[in-house]
Amino acid sequence: MLTDAQRTAYERDGFIVVPNVFSPAEIDELRRVTNEFVRNAAAVTANDEVSISKIRIRARSRGCAG
């Protein structure tokens, strides 16, 4: 159950902080998973940019707009 102050903070800020919801071990695991997710997303984005660049180069060499 949220207090009135928490509701007001949520309405104002769009989030609330609830201390001690997760243990330090759970926080470490969440950080590990999040960091891995970010690393994987960055790798996929970099690969997509390379692929898009190759497609543009091929399109230009064929005289297509791109």
PDB file of N, CA and C in Angstrom:
ATOM      1  N   MET A   1       0.850  -1.182   0.000  1.00  0.00           N
ATOM      2  CA  MET A   1       0.000   0.000   0.000  1.00  0.00           C
ATOM      3  C   MET A   1       0.888   1.235   0.000  1.00  0.00           C
ATOM      4  N   LEU A   2       0.610   2.167  -0.877  1.00  0.00           N
ATOM      5  CA  LEU A   2       1.375   3.407  -0.947  1.00  0.00           C
ATOM      6  C   LEU A   2       0.814   4.445   0.017  1.00  0.00           C
ATOM      7  N   THR A   3       1.717   5.215   0.578  1.00  0.00           N
ATOM      8  CA  THR A   3       1.279   6.328   1.423  1.00  0.00           C
ATOM      9  C   THR A   3       0.851   7.482   0.529  1.00  0.00           C
ATOM     10  N   ASP A   4       0.200   8.459   1.100  1.00  0.00           N
ATOM     11  CA  ASP A   4      -0.182   9.646   0.330  1.00  0.00           C
ATOM     12  C   ASP A   4       1.049  10.354  -0.223  1.00  0.00           C
ATOM     13  N   ALA A   5       2.113  10.410   0.570  1.00  0.00           N
ATOM     14  CA  ALA A   5       3.350  11.054   0.117  1.00  0.00           C
ATOM     15  C   ALA A   5       3.951  10.307  -1.074  1.00  0.00           C
ATOM     16  N   GLN A   6       3.902   8.971  -1.051  1.00  0.00           N
ATOM     17  CA  GLN A   6       4.416   8.187  -2.178  1.00  0.00           C
ATOM     18  C   GLN A   6       3.571   8.405  -3.427  1.00  0.00           C
ATOM     19  N   ARG A   7       2.271   8.451  -3.262  1.00  0.00           N
ATOM     20  CA  ARG A   7       1.380   8.716  -4.409  1.00  0.00           C
ATOM     21  C   ARG A   7       1.667  10.084  -5.012  1.00  0.00           C
ATOM     22  N   THR A   8       1.812  11.079  -4.152  1.00  0.00           N
ATOM     23  CA  THR A   8       2.104  12.434  -4.612  1.00  0.00           C
ATOM     24  C   THR A   8       3.439  12.464  -5.348  1.00  0.00           C
ATOM     25  N   ALA A   9       4.447  11.806  -4.788  1.00  0.00           N
ATOM     26  CA  ALA A   9       5.765  11.751  -5.432  1.00  0.00           C
ATOM     27  C   ALA A   9       5.667  11.052  -6.779  1.00  0.00           C
ATOM     28  N   TYR A  10       4.903   9.964  -6.850  1.00  0.00           N
ATOM     29  CA  TYR A  10       4.737   9.243  -8.118  1.00  0.00           C
ATOM     30  C   TYR A  10       4.053  10.127  -9.161  1.00  0.00           C
ATOM     31  N   GLU A  11       3.004  10.800  -8.762  1.00  0.00           N
ATOM     32  CA  GLU A  11       2.285  11.675  -9.687  1.00  0.00           C
ATOM     33  C   GLU A  11       3.174  12.823 -10.166  1.00  0.00           C
ATOM     34  N   ARG A  12       4.032  13.326  -9.290  1.00  0.00           N
ATOM     35  CA  ARG A  12       4.932  14.422  -9.624  1.00  0.00           C
ATOM     36  C   ARG A  12       6.101  13.949 -10.480  1.00  0.00           C
ATOM     37  N   ASP A  13       6.742  12.833 -10.084  1.00  0.00           N
ATOM     38  CA  ASP A  13       8.005  12.403 -10.687  1.00  0.00           C
ATOM     39  C   ASP A  13       7.870  11.258 -11.686  1.00  0.00           C
ATOM     40  N   GLY A  14       6.794  10.502 -11.588  1.00  0.00           N
ATOM     41  CA  GLY A  14       6.625   9.346 -12.466  1.00  0.00           C
ATOM     42  C   GLY A  14       7.268   8.077 -11.922  1.00  0.00           C
ATOM     43  N   PHE A  15       7.841   8.136 -10.744  1.00  0.00           N
ATOM     44  CA  PHE A  15       8.424   6.962 -10.095  1.00  0.00           C
ATOM     45  C   PHE A  15       8.479   7.202  -8.592  1.00  0.00           C
ATOM     46  N   ILE A  16       8.654   6.124  -7.849  1.00  0.00           N
ATOM     47  CA  ILE A  16       8.900   6.242  -6.405  1.00  0.00           C
ATOM     48  C   ILE A  16      10.063   5.318  -6.058  1.00  0.00           C
ATOM     49  N   VAL A  17      10.728   5.629  -4.982  1.00  0.00           N
ATOM     50  CA  VAL A  17      11.811   4.794  -4.474  1.00  0.00           C
ATOM     51  C   VAL A  17      11.282   4.047  -3.264  1.00  0.00           C
ATOM     52  N   VAL A  18      11.381   2.735  -3.323  1.00  0.00           N
ATOM     53  CA  VAL A  18      10.952   1.904  -2.204  1.00  0.00           C
ATOM     54  C   VAL A  18      12.201   1.202  -1.681  1.00  0.00           C
ATOM     55  N   PRO A  19      12.733   1.669  -0.552  1.00  0.00           N
ATOM     56  CA  PRO A  19      13.985   1.085  -0.045  1.00  0.00           C
ATOM     57  C   PRO A  19      13.812  -0.347   0.441  1.00  0.00           C
ATOM     58  N   ASN A  20      14.891  -1.092   0.346  1.00  0.00           N
ATOM     59  CA  ASN A  20      14.985  -2.461   0.882  1.00  0.00           C
ATOM     60  C   ASN A  20      14.014  -3.452   0.257  1.00  0.00           C
ATOM     61  N   VAL A  21      13.665  -3.238  -1.011  1.00  0.00           N
ATOM     62  CA  VAL A  21      12.800  -4.199  -1.699  1.00  0.00           C
ATOM     63  C   VAL A  21      13.623  -5.417  -2.106  1.00  0.00           C
ATOM     64  N   PHE A  22      14.852  -5.178  -2.568  1.00  0.00           N
ATOM     65  CA  PHE A  22      15.736  -6.257  -2.999  1.00  0.00           C
ATOM     66  C   PHE A  22      16.925  -6.369  -2.066  1.00  0.00           C
ATOM     67  N   SER A  23      17.423  -7.585  -1.921  1.00  0.00           N
ATOM     68  CA  SER A  23      18.630  -7.818  -1.122  1.00  0.00           C
ATOM     69  C   SER A  23      19.850  -7.359  -1.931  1.00  0.00           C
ATOM     70  N   PRO A  24      20.986  -7.138  -1.272  1.00  0.00           N
ATOM     71  CA  PRO A  24      22.200  -6.781  -2.023  1.00  0.00           C
ATOM     72  C   PRO A  24      22.557  -7.814  -3.087  1.00  0.00           C
ATOM     73  N   ALA A  25      22.349  -9.090  -2.814  1.00  0.00           N
ATOM     74  CA  ALA A  25      22.644 -10.135  -3.797  1.00  0.00           C
ATOM     75  C   ALA A  25      21.718 -10.015  -5.008  1.00  0.00           C
ATOM     76  N   GLU A  26      20.454  -9.723  -4.768  1.00  0.00           N
ATOM     77  CA  GLU A  26      19.506  -9.549  -5.875  1.00  0.00           C
ATOM     78  C   GLU A  26      19.860  -8.321  -6.706  1.00  0.00           C
ATOM     79  N   ILE A  27      20.281  -7.266  -6.066  1.00  0.00           N
ATOM     80  CA  ILE A  27      20.687  -6.055  -6.786  1.00  0.00           C
ATOM     81  C   ILE A  27      21.911  -6.347  -7.647  1.00  0.00           C
ATOM     82  N   ASP A  28      22.886  -7.081  -7.103  1.00  0.00           N
ATOM     83  CA  ASP A  28      24.066  -7.462  -7.881  1.00  0.00           C
ATOM     84  C   ASP A  28      23.673  -8.256  -9.123  1.00  0.00           C
ATOM     85  N   GLU A  29      22.744  -9.196  -8.959  1.00  0.00           N
ATOM     86  CA  GLU A  29      22.285 -10.004 -10.094  1.00  0.00           C
ATOM     87  C   GLU A  29      21.550  -9.140 -11.121  1.00  0.00           C
ATOM     88  N   LEU A  30      20.701  -8.234 -10.657  1.00  0.00           N
ATOM     89  CA  LEU A  30      20.004  -7.336 -11.581  1.00  0.00           C
ATOM     90  C   LEU A  30      20.994  -6.470 -12.357  1.00  0.00           C
ATOM     91  N   ARG A  31      22.018  -5.973 -11.674  1.00  0.00           N
ATOM     92  CA  ARG A  31      23.046  -5.171 -12.356  1.00  0.00           C
ATOM     93  C   ARG A  31      23.789  -6.007 -13.390  1.00  0.00           C
ATOM     94  N   ARG A  32      24.136  -7.241 -13.022  1.00  0.00           N
ATOM     95  CA  ARG A  32      24.852  -8.117 -13.950  1.00  0.00           C
ATOM     96  C   ARG A  32      24.027  -8.370 -15.207  1.00  0.00           C
ATOM     97  N   VAL A  33      22.769  -8.717 -15.020  1.00  0.00           N
ATOM     98  CA  VAL A  33      21.884  -9.007 -16.155  1.00  0.00           C
ATOM     99  C   VAL A  33      21.669  -7.753 -16.998  1.00  0.00           C
ATOM    100  N   THR A  34      21.473  -6.617 -16.347  1.00  0.00           N
ATOM    101  CA  THR A  34      21.268  -5.368 -17.075  1.00  0.00           C
ATOM    102  C   THR A  34      22.503  -4.997 -17.882  1.00  0.00           C
ATOM    103  N   ASN A  35      23.686  -5.117 -17.278  1.00  0.00           N
ATOM    104  CA  ASN A  35      24.919  -4.811 -18.003  1.00  0.00           C
ATOM    105  C   ASN A  35      25.102  -5.728 -19.205  1.00  0.00           C
ATOM    106  N   GLU A  36      24.783  -7.004 -19.033  1.00  0.00           N
ATOM    107  CA  GLU A  36      24.873  -7.952 -20.147  1.00  0.00           C
ATOM    108  C   GLU A  36      23.892  -7.567 -21.254  1.00  0.00           C
ATOM    109  N   PHE A  37      22.688  -7.207 -20.868  1.00  0.00           N
ATOM    110  CA  PHE A  37      21.681  -6.786 -21.842  1.00  0.00           C
ATOM    111  C   PHE A  37      22.162  -5.573 -22.639  1.00  0.00           C
ATOM    112  N   VAL A  38      22.725  -4.588 -21.949  1.00  0.00           N
ATOM    113  CA  VAL A  38      23.210  -3.375 -22.611  1.00  0.00           C
ATOM    114  C   VAL A  38      24.354  -3.716 -23.555  1.00  0.00           C
ATOM    115  N   ARG A  39      25.289  -4.558 -23.104  1.00  0.00           N
ATOM    116  CA  ARG A  39      26.410  -4.964 -23.975  1.00  0.00           C
ATOM    117  C   ARG A  39      25.891  -5.651 -25.234  1.00  0.00           C
ATOM    118  N   ASN A  40      24.941  -6.566 -25.071  1.00  0.00           N
ATOM    119  CA  ASN A  40      24.384  -7.289 -26.227  1.00  0.00           C
ATOM    120  C   ASN A  40      23.631  -6.343 -27.156  1.00  0.00           C
ATOM    121  N   ALA A  41      22.889  -5.409 -26.587  1.00  0.00           N
ATOM    122  CA  ALA A  41      22.150  -4.448 -27.410  1.00  0.00           C
ATOM    123  C   ALA A  41      23.115  -3.573 -28.199  1.00  0.00           C
ATOM    124  N   ALA A  42      24.215  -3.155 -27.574  1.00  0.00           N
ATOM    125  CA  ALA A  42      25.206  -2.331 -28.260  1.00  0.00           C
ATOM    126  C   ALA A  42      25.844  -3.112 -29.402  1.00  0.00           C
ATOM    127  N   ALA A  43      26.118  -4.393 -29.195  1.00  0.00           N
ATOM    128  CA  ALA A  43      26.716  -5.214 -30.244  1.00  0.00           C
ATOM    129  C   ALA A  43      25.753  -5.388 -31.406  1.00  0.00           C
ATOM    130  N   VAL A  44      24.490  -5.628 -31.116  1.00  0.00           N
ATOM    131  CA  VAL A  44      23.487  -5.790 -32.180  1.00  0.00           C
ATOM    132  C   VAL A  44      23.348  -4.490 -32.958  1.00  0.00           C
ATOM    133  N   THR A  45      23.285  -3.372 -32.252  1.00  0.00           N
ATOM    134  CA  THR A  45      23.163  -2.074 -32.918  1.00  0.00           C
ATOM    135  C   THR A  45      24.360  -1.818 -33.818  1.00  0.00           C
ATOM    136  N   ALA A  46      25.562  -2.098 -33.339  1.00  0.00           N
ATOM    137  CA  ALA A  46      26.765  -1.894 -34.151  1.00  0.00           C
ATOM    138  C   ALA A  46      26.716  -2.779 -35.381  1.00  0.00           C
ATOM    139  N   ASN A  47      26.299  -4.034 -35.235  1.00  0.00           N
ATOM    140  CA  ASN A  47      26.200  -4.928 -36.388  1.00  0.00           C
ATOM    141  C   ASN A  47      25.143  -4.446 -37.369  1.00  0.00           C
ATOM    142  N   ASP A  48      24.021  -3.963 -36.888  1.00  0.00           N
ATOM    143  CA  ASP A  48      22.970  -3.452 -37.764  1.00  0.00           C
ATOM    144  C   ASP A  48      23.466  -2.250 -38.549  1.00  0.00           C
ATOM    145  N   GLU A  49      24.220  -1.362 -37.888  1.00  0.00           N
ATOM    146  CA  GLU A  49      24.733  -0.185 -38.579  1.00  0.00           C
ATOM    147  C   GLU A  49      25.699  -0.590 -39.681  1.00  0.00           C
ATOM    148  N   VAL A  50      26.535  -1.598 -39.429  1.00  0.00           N
ATOM    149  CA  VAL A  50      27.458  -2.086 -40.454  1.00  0.00           C
ATOM    150  C   VAL A  50      26.667  -2.668 -41.609  1.00  0.00           C
ATOM    151  N   SER A  51      25.651  -3.477 -41.319  1.00  0.00           N
ATOM    152  CA  SER A  51      24.837  -4.083 -42.370  1.00  0.00           C
ATOM    153  C   SER A  51      24.124  -3.020 -43.190  1.00  0.00           C
ATOM    154  N   ILE A  52      23.566  -2.019 -42.525  1.00  0.00           N
ATOM    155  CA  ILE A  52      22.877  -0.946 -43.236  1.00  0.00           C
ATOM    156  C   ILE A  52      23.846  -0.194 -44.131  1.00  0.00           C
ATOM    157  N   SER A  53      25.060   0.065 -43.639  1.00  0.00           N
ATOM    158  CA  SER A  53      26.067   0.748 -44.454  1.00  0.00           C
ATOM    159  C   SER A  53      26.409  -0.071 -45.689  1.00  0.00           C
ATOM    160  N   LYS A  54      26.558  -1.397 -45.525  1.00  0.00           N
ATOM    161  CA  LYS A  54      26.868  -2.256 -46.673  1.00  0.00           C
ATOM    162  C   LYS A  54      25.743  -2.222 -47.696  1.00  0.00           C
ATOM    163  N   ILE A  55      24.507  -2.233 -47.225  1.00  0.00           N
ATOM    164  CA  ILE A  55      23.357  -2.181 -48.134  1.00  0.00           C
ATOM    165  C   ILE A  55      23.369  -0.864 -48.901  1.00  0.00           C
ATOM    166  N   ARG A  56      23.635   0.236 -48.217  1.00  0.00           N
ATOM    167  CA  ARG A  56      23.677   1.545 -48.877  1.00  0.00           C
ATOM    168  C   ARG A  56      24.779   1.591 -49.919  1.00  0.00           C
ATOM    169  N   ILE A  57      25.942   1.026 -49.581  1.00  0.00           N
ATOM    170  CA  ILE A  57      27.059   1.021 -50.544  1.00  0.00           C
ATOM    171  C   ILE A  57      26.671   0.204 -51.769  1.00  0.00           C
ATOM    172  N   ARG A  58      26.053  -0.960 -51.568  1.00  0.00           N
ATOM    173  CA  ARG A  58      25.624  -1.794 -52.699  1.00  0.00           C
ATOM    174  C   ARG A  58      24.578  -1.051 -53.543  1.00  0.00           C
ATOM    175  N   ALA A  59      23.638  -0.404 -52.872  1.00  0.00           N
ATOM    176  CA  ALA A  59      22.585   0.311 -53.588  1.00  0.00           C
ATOM    177  C   ALA A  59      23.178   1.444 -54.423  1.00  0.00           C
ATOM    178  N   ARG A  60      24.108   2.188 -53.858  1.00  0.00           N
ATOM    179  CA  ARG A  60      24.731   3.297 -54.603  1.00  0.00           C
ATOM    180  C   ARG A  60      25.520   2.764 -55.786  1.00  0.00           C
ATOM    181  N   SER A  61      26.218   1.636 -55.590  1.00  0.00           N
ATOM    182  CA  SER A  61      27.035   1.091 -56.678  1.00  0.00           C
ATOM    183  C   SER A  61      26.171   0.572 -57.818  1.00  0.00           C
ATOM    184  N   ARG A  62      24.914   0.252 -57.510  1.00  0.00           N
ATOM    185  CA  ARG A  62      23.969  -0.218 -58.535  1.00  0.00           C
ATOM    186  C   ARG A  62      23.152   0.935 -59.107  1.00  0.00           C
ATOM    187  N   GLY A  63      23.383   2.134 -58.584  1.00  0.00           N
ATOM    188  CA  GLY A  63      22.645   3.288 -59.088  1.00  0.00           C
ATOM    189  C   GLY A  63      21.277   3.471 -58.483  1.00  0.00           C
ATOM    190  N   CYS A  64      21.028   2.802 -57.355  1.00  0.00           N
ATOM    191  CA  CYS A  64      19.748   2.936 -56.667  1.00  0.00           C
ATOM    192  C   CYS A  64      19.848   4.043 -55.623  1.00  0.00           C
ATOM    193  N   ALA A  65      18.723   4.669 -55.317  1.00  0.00           N
ATOM    194  CA  ALA A  65      18.699   5.653 -54.243  1.00  0.00           C
ATOM    195  C   ALA A  65      18.809   4.925 -52.910  1.00  0.00           C
ATOM    196  N   GLY A  66      19.430   5.568 -51.913  1.00  0.00           N
ATOM    197  CA  GLY A  66      19.498   4.901 -50.629  1.00  0.00           C
ATOM    198  C   GLY A  66      20.269   5.599 -49.609  1.00  0.00           C
TER     199      GLY A  66
END
